[in-house]
C-alpha atoms as a PDB file:
ATOM      1  CA  UNK A   1       8.609   9.959 -15.139  1.00  0.00           C
ATOM      2  CA  UNK A   2       8.641   7.306 -12.473  1.00  0.00           C
ATOM      3  CA  UNK A   3       7.076   3.782 -12.586  1.00  0.00           C
ATOM      4  CA  UNK A   4       6.070   2.401  -9.216  1.00  0.00           C
ATOM      5  CA  UNK A   5       4.817  -1.063  -8.251  1.00  0.00           C
ATOM      6  CA  UNK A   6       2.443  -1.098  -5.346  1.00  0.00           C
ATOM      7  CA  UNK A   7       2.042  -4.550  -3.793  1.00  0.00           C
ATOM      8  CA  UNK A   8       0.345  -5.467  -0.538  1.00  0.00           C
ATOM      9  CA  UNK A   9      -0.872  -8.328   1.703  1.00  0.00           C
ATOM     10  CA  UNK A  10       1.541 -11.011   0.565  1.00  0.00           C
ATOM     11  CA  UNK A  11       0.724 -13.292   3.565  1.00  0.00           C
ATOM     12  CA  UNK A  12       3.584 -15.775   3.291  1.00  0.00           C
ATOM     13  CA  UNK A  13       2.428 -18.807   5.112  1.00  0.00           C
ATOM     14  CA  UNK A  14      -0.717 -18.799   3.114  1.00  0.00           C
ATOM     15  CA  UNK A  15       0.305 -18.087  -0.462  1.00  0.00           C
ATOM     16  CA  UNK A  16      -0.087 -19.567  -3.910  1.00  0.00           C
ATOM     17  CA  UNK A  17       3.316 -20.346  -5.193  1.00  0.00           C
ATOM     18  CA  UNK A  18       2.182 -19.957  -8.843  1.00  0.00           C
ATOM     19  CA  UNK A  19       1.032 -16.489  -8.183  1.00  0.00           C
ATOM     20  CA  UNK A  20       4.344 -15.606  -6.376  1.00  0.00           C
ATOM     21  CA  UNK A  21       6.291 -16.671  -9.550  1.00  0.00           C
ATOM     22  CA  UNK A  22       3.832 -14.858 -11.675  1.00  0.00           C
ATOM     23  CA  UNK A  23       4.179 -11.645  -9.717  1.00  0.00           C
ATOM     24  CA  UNK A  24       7.960 -11.828  -9.925  1.00  0.00           C
ATOM     25  CA  UNK A  25       7.722 -12.340 -13.726  1.00  0.00           C
ATOM     26  CA  UNK A  26       5.378  -9.521 -14.112  1.00  0.00           C
ATOM     27  CA  UNK A  27       7.502  -7.141 -12.042  1.00  0.00           C
ATOM     28  CA  UNK A  28      10.497  -8.087 -14.199  1.00  0.00           C
ATOM     29  CA  UNK A  29       8.467  -7.216 -17.330  1.00  0.00           C
ATOM     30  CA  UNK A  30       7.509  -3.772 -15.940  1.00  0.00           C
ATOM     31  CA  UNK A  31      10.842  -2.922 -14.297  1.00  0.00           C
ATOM     32  CA  UNK A  32       9.534  -0.304 -11.736  1.00  0.00           C
ATOM     33  CA  UNK A  33      11.813   2.315 -10.415  1.00  0.00           C
ATOM     34  CA  UNK A  34      10.562   1.507  -6.865  1.00  0.00           C
ATOM     35  CA  UNK A  35       8.451  -1.235  -5.268  1.00  0.00           C
ATOM     36  CA  UNK A  36       6.176  -0.085  -2.480  1.00  0.00           C
ATOM     37  CA  UNK A  37       5.002  -2.872  -0.126  1.00  0.00           C
ATOM     38  CA  UNK A  38       2.195  -1.874   2.263  1.00  0.00           C
ATOM     39  CA  UNK A  39       2.143  -4.513   4.888  1.00  0.00           C
ATOM     40  CA  UNK A  40       1.008  -8.067   5.948  1.00  0.00           C
ATOM     41  CA  UNK A  41       4.122  -9.890   4.501  1.00  0.00           C
ATOM     42  CA  UNK A  42       3.236 -12.949   6.563  1.00  0.00           C
ATOM     43  CA  UNK A  43       0.088 -14.730   7.831  1.00  0.00           C
ATOM     44  CA  UNK A  44       0.965 -15.439  11.457  1.00  0.00           C
ATOM     45  CA  UNK A  45       4.190 -13.525  12.344  1.00  0.00           C
ATOM     46  CA  UNK A  46       6.249 -16.768  12.663  1.00  0.00           C
ATOM     47  CA  UNK A  47       9.947 -17.057  12.047  1.00  0.00           C
ATOM     48  CA  UNK A  48       9.539 -19.454   9.226  1.00  0.00           C
ATOM     49  CA  UNK A  49       6.993 -17.238   7.458  1.00  0.00           C
ATOM     50  CA  UNK A  50       9.315 -14.294   7.733  1.00  0.00           C
ATOM     51  CA  UNK A  51      12.135 -16.282   6.318  1.00  0.00           C
ATOM     52  CA  UNK A  52       9.891 -16.996   3.279  1.00  0.00           C
ATOM     53  CA  UNK A  53       9.055 -13.329   2.950  1.00  0.00           C
ATOM     54  CA  UNK A  54      12.814 -12.443   3.210  1.00  0.00           C
ATOM     55  CA  UNK A  55      13.625 -14.878   0.391  1.00  0.00           C
ATOM     56  CA  UNK A  56      10.952 -13.241  -1.780  1.00  0.00           C
ATOM     57  CA  UNK A  57      12.362  -9.703  -1.147  1.00  0.00           C
ATOM     58  CA  UNK A  58      15.910 -10.972  -1.996  1.00  0.00           C
ATOM     59  CA  UNK A  59      14.574 -11.977  -5.384  1.00  0.00           C
ATOM     60  CA  UNK A  60      13.464  -8.437  -6.160  1.00  0.00           C
ATOM     61  CA  UNK A  61      16.098  -6.772  -8.425  1.00  0.00           C
ATOM     62  CA  UNK A  62      14.518  -3.313  -7.688  1.00  0.00           C
ATOM     63  CA  UNK A  63      14.705  -0.860  -4.856  1.00  0.00           C
ATOM     64  CA  UNK A  64      11.769  -1.285  -2.371  1.00  0.00           C
ATOM     65  CA  UNK A  65      10.207   0.234   0.630  1.00  0.00           C
ATOM     66  CA  UNK A  66       8.049  -1.753   3.152  1.00  0.00           C
ATOM     67  CA  UNK A  67       5.947  -1.118   6.208  1.00  0.00           C
ATOM     68  CA  UNK A  68       4.402  -3.876   8.457  1.00  0.00           C
ATOM     69  CA  UNK A  69       0.772  -4.757   8.704  1.00  0.00           C
ATOM     70  CA  UNK A  70      -1.369  -6.242  11.514  1.00  0.00           C
ATOM     71  CA  UNK A  71      -0.572  -9.812  10.468  1.00  0.00           C
ATOM     72  CA  UNK A  72       3.106  -9.048  11.045  1.00  0.00           C
ATOM     73  CA  UNK A  73       2.375  -8.891  14.712  1.00  0.00           C
ATOM     74  CA  UNK A  74       2.022 -12.155  16.735  1.00  0.00           C
ATOM     75  CA  UNK A  75      -1.559 -13.125  17.494  1.00  0.00           C
ATOM     76  CA  UNK A  76      -1.284 -15.929  20.091  1.00  0.00           C
ATOM     77  CA  UNK A  77       2.193 -15.291  21.535  1.00  0.00           C
ATOM     78  CA  UNK A  78       0.867 -12.678  24.086  1.00  0.00           C
ATOM     79  CA  UNK A  79       4.423 -12.362  25.659  1.00  0.00           C
ATOM     80  CA  UNK A  80       5.868 -11.169  22.423  1.00  0.00           C
ATOM     81  CA  UNK A  81       2.836  -9.218  21.572  1.00  0.00           C
ATOM     82  CA  UNK A  82       2.574  -7.125  24.824  1.00  0.00           C
ATOM     83  CA  UNK A  83       5.818  -7.494  26.871  1.00  0.00           C
ATOM     84  CA  UNK A  84       8.520  -7.859  24.125  1.00  0.00           C
ATOM     85  CA  UNK A  85       8.932  -6.208  20.801  1.00  0.00           C
ATOM     86  CA  UNK A  86       6.086  -7.363  18.636  1.00  0.00           C
ATOM     87  CA  UNK A  87       8.037  -6.387  15.531  1.00  0.00           C
ATOM     88  CA  UNK A  88      11.127  -8.454  16.527  1.00  0.00           C
ATOM     89  CA  UNK A  89      11.023 -10.904  13.720  1.00  0.00           C
ATOM     90  CA  UNK A  90       9.858  -8.240  11.170  1.00  0.00           C
ATOM     91  CA  UNK A  91      12.937  -6.119  12.093  1.00  0.00           C
ATOM     92  CA  UNK A  92      15.207  -9.195  11.903  1.00  0.00           C
ATOM     93  CA  UNK A  93      14.062 -10.604   8.531  1.00  0.00           C
ATOM     94  CA  UNK A  94      12.393  -7.640   6.716  1.00  0.00           C
ATOM     95  CA  UNK A  95      13.551  -4.164   7.896  1.00  0.00           C
ATOM     96  CA  UNK A  96      14.548  -2.285  11.073  1.00  0.00           C
ATOM     97  CA  UNK A  97      13.125   0.929   9.610  1.00  0.00           C
ATOM     98  CA  UNK A  98       9.363   1.236  10.359  1.00  0.00           C
ATOM     99  CA  UNK A  99       9.158   4.611   8.660  1.00  0.00           C
ATOM    100  CA  UNK A 100      11.164   4.225   5.455  1.00  0.00           C
ATOM    101  CA  UNK A 101      11.754   7.138   3.117  1.00  0.00           C
ATOM    102  CA  UNK A 102      12.837   7.542  -0.532  1.00  0.00           C
ATOM    103  CA  UNK A 103      13.429  11.068  -2.049  1.00  0.00           C
ATOM    104  CA  UNK A 104      14.778  11.806  -5.499  1.00  0.00           C
ATOM    105  CA  UNK A 105      14.384  14.651  -7.995  1.00  0.00           C
ATOM    106  CA  UNK A 106      10.824  13.617  -8.940  1.00  0.00           C
ATOM    107  CA  UNK A 107       9.153  11.683  -6.192  1.00  0.00           C
ATOM    108  CA  UNK A 108       9.234  11.485  -2.332  1.00  0.00           C
ATOM    109  CA  UNK A 109       7.772   8.393  -0.711  1.00  0.00           C
ATOM    110  CA  UNK A 110       7.187   7.982   3.051  1.00  0.00           C
ATOM    111  CA  UNK A 111       6.057   4.865   4.787  1.00  0.00           C
ATOM    112  CA  UNK A 112       4.236   4.804   8.154  1.00  0.00           C
ATOM    113  CA  UNK A 113       3.623   1.934  10.422  1.00  0.00           C
ATOM    114  CA  UNK A 114      -0.023   1.854  11.421  1.00  0.00           C
ATOM    115  CA  UNK A 115       0.062  -1.658  12.942  1.00  0.00           C
ATOM    116  CA  UNK A 116      -0.584  -1.604  16.712  1.00  0.00           C
ATOM    117  CA  UNK A 117      -0.213  -4.518  19.124  1.00  0.00           C
ATOM    118  CA  UNK A 118      -1.736  -2.746  22.184  1.00  0.00           C
ATOM    119  CA  UNK A 119      -5.155  -1.702  20.863  1.00  0.00           C
ATOM    120  CA  UNK A 120      -8.082  -3.838  21.718  1.00  0.00           C
ATOM    121  CA  UNK A 121      -8.696  -5.088  18.132  1.00  0.00           C
ATOM    122  CA  UNK A 122      -5.151  -5.054  16.743  1.00  0.00           C
ATOM    123  CA  UNK A 123      -6.475  -5.868  13.192  1.00  0.00           C
ATOM    124  CA  UNK A 124      -7.262  -2.166  13.079  1.00  0.00           C
ATOM    125  CA  UNK A 125      -4.511   0.332  12.697  1.00  0.00           C
ATOM    126  CA  UNK A 126      -3.740   3.730  14.073  1.00  0.00           C
ATOM    127  CA  UNK A 127      -1.683   6.794  13.195  1.00  0.00           C
ATOM    128  CA  UNK A 128      -0.175   8.898  16.031  1.00  0.00           C
ATOM    129  CA  UNK A 129       0.929  12.465  16.522  1.00  0.00           C
ATOM    130  CA  UNK A 130       4.576  11.665  16.093  1.00  0.00           C
ATOM    131  CA  UNK A 131       3.893  10.202  12.737  1.00  0.00           C
ATOM    132  CA  UNK A 132       1.819  13.239  11.715  1.00  0.00           C
ATOM    133  CA  UNK A 133       4.823  15.387  12.700  1.00  0.00           C
ATOM    134  CA  UNK A 134       7.033  13.252  10.521  1.00  0.00           C
ATOM    135  CA  UNK A 135       4.812  13.785   7.504  1.00  0.00           C
ATOM    136  CA  UNK A 136       5.289  17.616   8.015  1.00  0.00           C
ATOM    137  CA  UNK A 137       9.067  17.192   8.629  1.00  0.00           C
ATOM    138  CA  UNK A 138       9.585  15.193   5.502  1.00  0.00           C
ATOM    139  CA  UNK A 139       7.438  16.966   2.955  1.00  0.00           C
ATOM    140  CA  UNK A 140       7.067  20.683   4.105  1.00  0.00           C
ATOM    141  CA  UNK A 141      10.374  21.917   2.623  1.00  0.00           C
ATOM    142  CA  UNK A 142      10.467  19.833  -0.620  1.00  0.00           C
ATOM    143  CA  UNK A 143      10.209  21.671  -3.900  1.00  0.00           C
ATOM    144  CA  UNK A 144       6.620  22.035  -5.238  1.00  0.00           C
ATOM    145  CA  UNK A 145       7.310  19.874  -8.303  1.00  0.00           C
ATOM    146  CA  UNK A 146       8.149  16.795  -6.265  1.00  0.00           C
ATOM    147  CA  UNK A 147       5.268  14.185  -6.264  1.00  0.00           C
ATOM    148  CA  UNK A 148       4.561  13.167  -2.702  1.00  0.00           C
ATOM    149  CA  UNK A 149       3.353   9.738  -1.583  1.00  0.00           C
ATOM    150  CA  UNK A 150       2.479   8.363   1.812  1.00  0.00           C
ATOM    151  CA  UNK A 151       1.850   4.627   2.189  1.00  0.00           C
ATOM    152  CA  UNK A 152       0.392   2.730   5.153  1.00  0.00           C
ATOM    153  CA  UNK A 153      -1.103  -0.694   5.666  1.00  0.00           C
ATOM    154  CA  UNK A 154      -4.494   0.586   6.764  1.00  0.00           C
ATOM    155  CA  UNK A 155      -6.715   2.565   4.556  1.00  0.00           C
ATOM    156  CA  UNK A 156      -7.746   6.266   4.544  1.00  0.00           C
ATOM    157  CA  UNK A 157     -10.545   5.768   2.026  1.00  0.00           C
ATOM    158  CA  UNK A 158     -13.244   3.074   2.209  1.00  0.00           C
ATOM    159  CA  UNK A 159     -14.360   1.003  -0.921  1.00  0.00           C
ATOM    160  CA  UNK A 160     -16.974   2.841  -2.999  1.00  0.00           C
ATOM    161  CA  UNK A 161     -19.564   0.075  -2.282  1.00  0.00           C
ATOM    162  CA  UNK A 162     -18.720  -0.094   1.523  1.00  0.00           C
ATOM    163  CA  UNK A 163     -18.576   3.398   2.888  1.00  0.00           C
ATOM    164  CA  UNK A 164     -19.004   2.020   6.484  1.00  0.00           C
ATOM    165  CA  UNK A 165     -15.644   0.314   6.364  1.00  0.00           C
ATOM    166  CA  UNK A 166     -13.407   1.220   9.287  1.00  0.00           C
ATOM    167  CA  UNK A 167     -10.446   3.408   8.396  1.00  0.00           C
ATOM    168  CA  UNK A 168      -7.176   3.856  10.111  1.00  0.00           C
ATOM    169  CA  UNK A 169      -7.833   5.323  13.603  1.00  0.00           C
ATOM    170  CA  UNK A 170      -7.074   9.041  14.112  1.00  0.00           C
ATOM    171  CA  UNK A 171      -7.053   9.596  10.357  1.00  0.00           C
ATOM    172  CA  UNK A 172      -8.977  12.883  10.904  1.00  0.00           C
ATOM    173  CA  UNK A 173      -5.904  14.178  12.852  1.00  0.00           C
ATOM    174  CA  UNK A 174      -3.654  13.357   9.947  1.00  0.00           C
ATOM    175  CA  UNK A 175      -5.713  14.774   7.173  1.00  0.00           C
ATOM    176  CA  UNK A 176      -4.844  18.501   7.771  1.00  0.00           C
ATOM    177  CA  UNK A 177      -1.180  17.632   7.672  1.00  0.00           C
ATOM    178  CA  UNK A 178      -1.468  15.630   4.499  1.00  0.00           C
ATOM    179  CA  UNK A 179      -3.320  18.457   2.863  1.00  0.00           C
ATOM    180  CA  UNK A 180      -1.057  21.271   4.158  1.00  0.00           C
ATOM    181  CA  UNK A 181       2.215  19.734   2.969  1.00  0.00           C
ATOM    182  CA  UNK A 182       0.767  18.771  -0.447  1.00  0.00           C
ATOM    183  CA  UNK A 183       0.704  14.968  -0.388  1.00  0.00           C
ATOM    184  CA  UNK A 184      -0.532  13.740  -3.784  1.00  0.00           C
ATOM    185  CA  UNK A 185      -1.170  10.102  -3.260  1.00  0.00           C
ATOM    186  CA  UNK A 186      -2.039   7.697  -0.425  1.00  0.00           C
ATOM    187  CA  UNK A 187      -1.350   3.979  -0.861  1.00  0.00           C
ATOM    188  CA  UNK A 188      -2.597   1.191   1.443  1.00  0.00           C
ATOM    189  CA  UNK A 189      -3.849  -2.398   1.533  1.00  0.00           C
ATOM    190  CA  UNK A 190      -5.397  -4.529   4.343  1.00  0.00           C
ATOM    191  CA  UNK A 191      -8.918  -4.884   2.734  1.00  0.00           C
ATOM    192  CA  UNK A 192      -7.808  -7.096  -0.143  1.00  0.00           C
ATOM    193  CA  UNK A 193      -9.732  -4.878  -2.449  1.00  0.00           C
ATOM    194  CA  UNK A 194      -8.349  -2.987  -5.492  1.00  0.00           C
ATOM    195  CA  UNK A 195      -9.883   0.530  -5.991  1.00  0.00           C
ATOM    196  CA  UNK A 196      -8.849   4.053  -6.460  1.00  0.00           C
ATOM    197  CA  UNK A 197     -10.390   7.537  -5.956  1.00  0.00           C
ATOM    198  CA  UNK A 198     -10.090  11.075  -4.679  1.00  0.00           C
ATOM    199  CA  UNK A 199     -10.003  11.663  -0.916  1.00  0.00           C
ATOM    200  CA  UNK A 200     -12.428  14.599  -0.908  1.00  0.00           C
ATOM    201  CA  UNK A 201     -15.212  12.448  -2.289  1.00  0.00           C
ATOM    202  CA  UNK A 202     -15.530  10.903   1.146  1.00  0.00           C
ATOM    203  CA  UNK A 203     -13.663  13.319   3.456  1.00  0.00           C
ATOM    204  CA  UNK A 204     -15.560  16.409   2.496  1.00  0.00           C
ATOM    205  CA  UNK A 205     -13.522  18.586   4.875  1.00  0.00           C
ATOM    206  CA  UNK A 206     -10.504  18.186   2.681  1.00  0.00           C
ATOM    207  CA  UNK A 207     -10.182  21.094   0.267  1.00  0.00           C
ATOM    208  CA  UNK A 208      -7.021  20.023  -1.481  1.00  0.00           C
ATOM    209  CA  UNK A 209      -7.229  17.020  -3.821  1.00  0.00           C
ATOM    210  CA  UNK A 210      -5.431  13.736  -2.754  1.00  0.00           C
ATOM    211  CA  UNK A 211      -5.587  10.589  -4.716  1.00  0.00           C
ATOM    212  CA  UNK A 212      -5.990   7.217  -3.030  1.00  0.00           C
ATOM    213  CA  UNK A 213      -4.949   3.777  -4.550  1.00  0.00           C
ATOM    214  CA  UNK A 214      -5.775   0.566  -2.648  1.00  0.00           C
ATOM    215  CA  UNK A 215      -4.072  -2.746  -3.555  1.00  0.00           C
ATOM    216  CA  UNK A 216      -5.708  -6.125  -3.331  1.00  0.00           C
ATOM    217  CA  UNK A 217      -3.720  -9.092  -1.951  1.00  0.00           C
ATOM    218  CA  UNK A 218      -0.827  -9.840  -4.284  1.00  0.00           C
ATOM    219  CA  UNK A 219      -0.129 -13.520  -3.505  1.00  0.00           C
ATOM    220  CA  UNK A 220      -2.386 -14.866  -0.715  1.00  0.00           C
ATOM    221  CA  UNK A 221      -5.197 -17.418  -1.080  1.00  0.00           C
ATOM    222  CA  UNK A 222      -7.213 -15.265   1.326  1.00  0.00           C
ATOM    223  CA  UNK A 223      -9.244 -13.711  -1.494  1.00  0.00           C
ATOM    224  CA  UNK A 224     -12.269 -11.512  -0.944  1.00  0.00           C
ATOM    225  CA  UNK A 225     -14.205 -11.950  -4.189  1.00  0.00           C
ATOM    226  CA  UNK A 226     -11.275 -10.570  -6.102  1.00  0.00           C
ATOM    227  CA  UNK A 227      -8.344 -12.168  -7.892  1.00  0.00           C
ATOM    228  CA  UNK A 228      -4.821 -11.569  -6.642  1.00  0.00           C
ATOM    229  CA  UNK A 229      -3.660  -8.162  -8.002  1.00  0.00           C
ATOM    230  CA  UNK A 230      -1.177  -5.380  -7.532  1.00  0.00           C
ATOM    231  CA  UNK A 231      -0.874  -1.804  -8.966  1.00  0.00           C
ATOM    232  CA  UNK A 232       1.483  -0.271 -11.512  1.00  0.00           C
ATOM    233  CA  UNK A 233       1.500   3.519 -11.098  1.00  0.00           C
ATOM    234  CA  UNK A 234       3.116   5.769 -13.656  1.00  0.00           C
ATOM    235  CA  UNK A 235       3.843   9.334 -12.509  1.00  0.00           C
ATOM    236  CA  UNK A 236       4.402  11.666 -15.420  1.00  0.00           C
ATOM    237  CA  UNK A 237       3.257  15.097 -14.114  1.00  0.00           C
ATOM    238  CA  UNK A 238       0.718  16.506 -14.589  1.00  0.00           C
ATOM    239  CA  UNK A 239      -0.737  12.927 -15.240  1.00  0.00           C
ATOM    240  CA  UNK A 240      -0.779   9.780 -13.110  1.00  0.00           C
ATOM    241  CA  UNK A 241      -1.850   6.420 -14.520  1.00  0.00           C
ATOM    242  CA  UNK A 242      -2.946   3.573 -12.253  1.00  0.00           C
ATOM    243  CA  UNK A 243      -3.150   0.113 -13.760  1.00  0.00           C
ATOM    244  CA  UNK A 244      -4.313  -2.876 -11.766  1.00  0.00           C
ATOM    245  CA  UNK A 245      -2.431  -5.954 -12.756  1.00  0.00           C
ATOM    246  CA  UNK A 246      -4.754  -8.860 -12.120  1.00  0.00           C
ATOM    247  CA  UNK A 247      -4.129 -12.586 -11.829  1.00  0.00           C
ATOM    248  CA  UNK A 248      -5.822 -14.503 -14.765  1.00  0.00           C
ATOM    249  CA  UNK A 249      -5.107 -17.998 -13.525  1.00  0.00           C
ATOM    250  CA  UNK A 250      -1.938 -18.193 -15.632  1.00  0.00           C
ATOM    251  CA  UNK A 251      -0.199 -14.792 -15.328  1.00  0.00           C
ATOM    252  CA  UNK A 252      -0.873 -11.199 -14.345  1.00  0.00           C
ATOM    253  CA  UNK A 253      -2.745  -9.232 -16.977  1.00  0.00           C
ATOM    254  CA  UNK A 254      -4.105  -5.773 -17.384  1.00  0.00           C
ATOM    255  CA  UNK A 255      -7.129  -5.007 -15.213  1.00  0.00           C
ATOM    256  CA  UNK A 256      -8.759  -1.605 -14.691  1.00  0.00           C
ATOM    257  CA  UNK A 257      -6.743   1.362 -15.727  1.00  0.00           C
ATOM    258  CA  UNK A 258      -7.406   4.920 -14.590  1.00  0.00           C
ATOM    259  CA  UNK A 259      -5.819   8.126 -15.760  1.00  0.00           C
ATOM    260  CA  UNK A 260      -5.841  11.323 -13.608  1.00  0.00           C
ATOM    261  CA  UNK A 261      -4.573  14.774 -14.533  1.00  0.00           C
ATOM    262  CA  UNK A 262      -3.752  17.442 -12.106  1.00  0.00           C
ATOM    263  CA  UNK A 263      -5.313  20.803 -12.680  1.00  0.00           C
ATOM    264  CA  UNK A 264      -4.123  23.355 -10.107  1.00  0.00           C
ATOM    265  CA  UNK A 265      -4.800  21.677  -6.842  1.00  0.00           C
ATOM    266  CA  UNK A 266      -7.359  19.218  -8.221  1.00  0.00           C
ATOM    267  CA  UNK A 267      -6.921  15.701  -9.615  1.00  0.00           C
ATOM    268  CA  UNK A 268      -9.424  14.986 -12.260  1.00  0.00           C
ATOM    269  CA  UNK A 269     -10.300  11.558 -13.635  1.00  0.00           C
ATOM    270  CA  UNK A 270      -9.584  11.600 -17.307  1.00  0.00           C
ATOM    271  CA  UNK A 271     -10.267   8.022 -18.316  1.00  0.00           C
ATOM    272  CA  UNK A 272     -11.199   4.736 -16.795  1.00  0.00           C
ATOM    273  CA  UNK A 273     -10.941   1.443 -18.648  1.00  0.00           C
ATOM    274  CA  UNK A 274     -12.031  -1.814 -17.118  1.00  0.00           C
ATOM    275  CA  UNK A 275      -9.192  -3.690 -18.896  1.00  0.00           C
ATOM    276  CA  UNK A 276      -9.072  -7.207 -20.101  1.00  0.00           C
ATOM    277  CA  UNK A 277      -9.038  -8.805 -16.714  1.00  0.00           C
ATOM    278  CA  UNK A 278     -11.289  -7.171 -14.028  1.00  0.00           C
ATOM    279  CA  UNK A 279     -10.148  -8.111 -10.465  1.00  0.00           C
ATOM    280  CA  UNK A 280     -12.914 -10.680  -9.891  1.00  0.00           C
ATOM    281  CA  UNK A 281     -12.127 -14.030  -8.169  1.00  0.00           C
ATOM    282  CA  UNK A 282     -10.792 -16.468 -10.730  1.00  0.00           C
ATOM    283  CA  UNK A 283     -10.742 -19.365  -8.251  1.00  0.00           C
ATOM    284  CA  UNK A 284     -14.443 -19.783  -8.117  1.00  0.00           C
END
């Protein structure tokens, strides 16, 4: 069994300090085997904000993997954005590895950087052919019992109430590789929305079942009609439990909980409980 914490969209530079402390306390209570951070560590890619994010990471007493998001690229500094390395501060303060990997006897977790500084609207992300090749390289030869996870900043699945939401560019090129090498779970953020589902409910061309879990913003004040939240994921094959931990105004409490069971190549929803604290905006 493995317990994973999936946090996203921290946005240091525009955070609620009480929520940051509450998040650290809740992580200590759950003691995850691995923390997965799916981008947007800072609000404006400034040195001071990356230093704050670095200080937060140094307080985590657990292993973690992290990828950048579009907010981790400079917006107004066009020289850094186009002519120099747009990830310079990210690499200095957060990680030089833009495609981190963790593999053990039960799980394999691969991060892919979908943030792009050169596309017209750089708030949207993209996956490229080299990254698709890396998916195959990492997962193809792993034993079939290993649970396989890919995490990005930009989503592969839209919210159930907003099917028109723009997804990571070139996702259709990546779907056959994800399916062929047996990826079980996709994690992302960006939308500041907490939801989960099965990829084939939207991408009908995918025959093999792949679960998706989106994380809300963990600590930012940039809420979108939801409270701050993060995910606790328990992998105990053939079952996976996804618990949304939602900010109540005083601490993080149990929000919606979903249990999935794998039957052959299909993930089937077994139970869904809305929990004590649904991820609605508690600041209203």
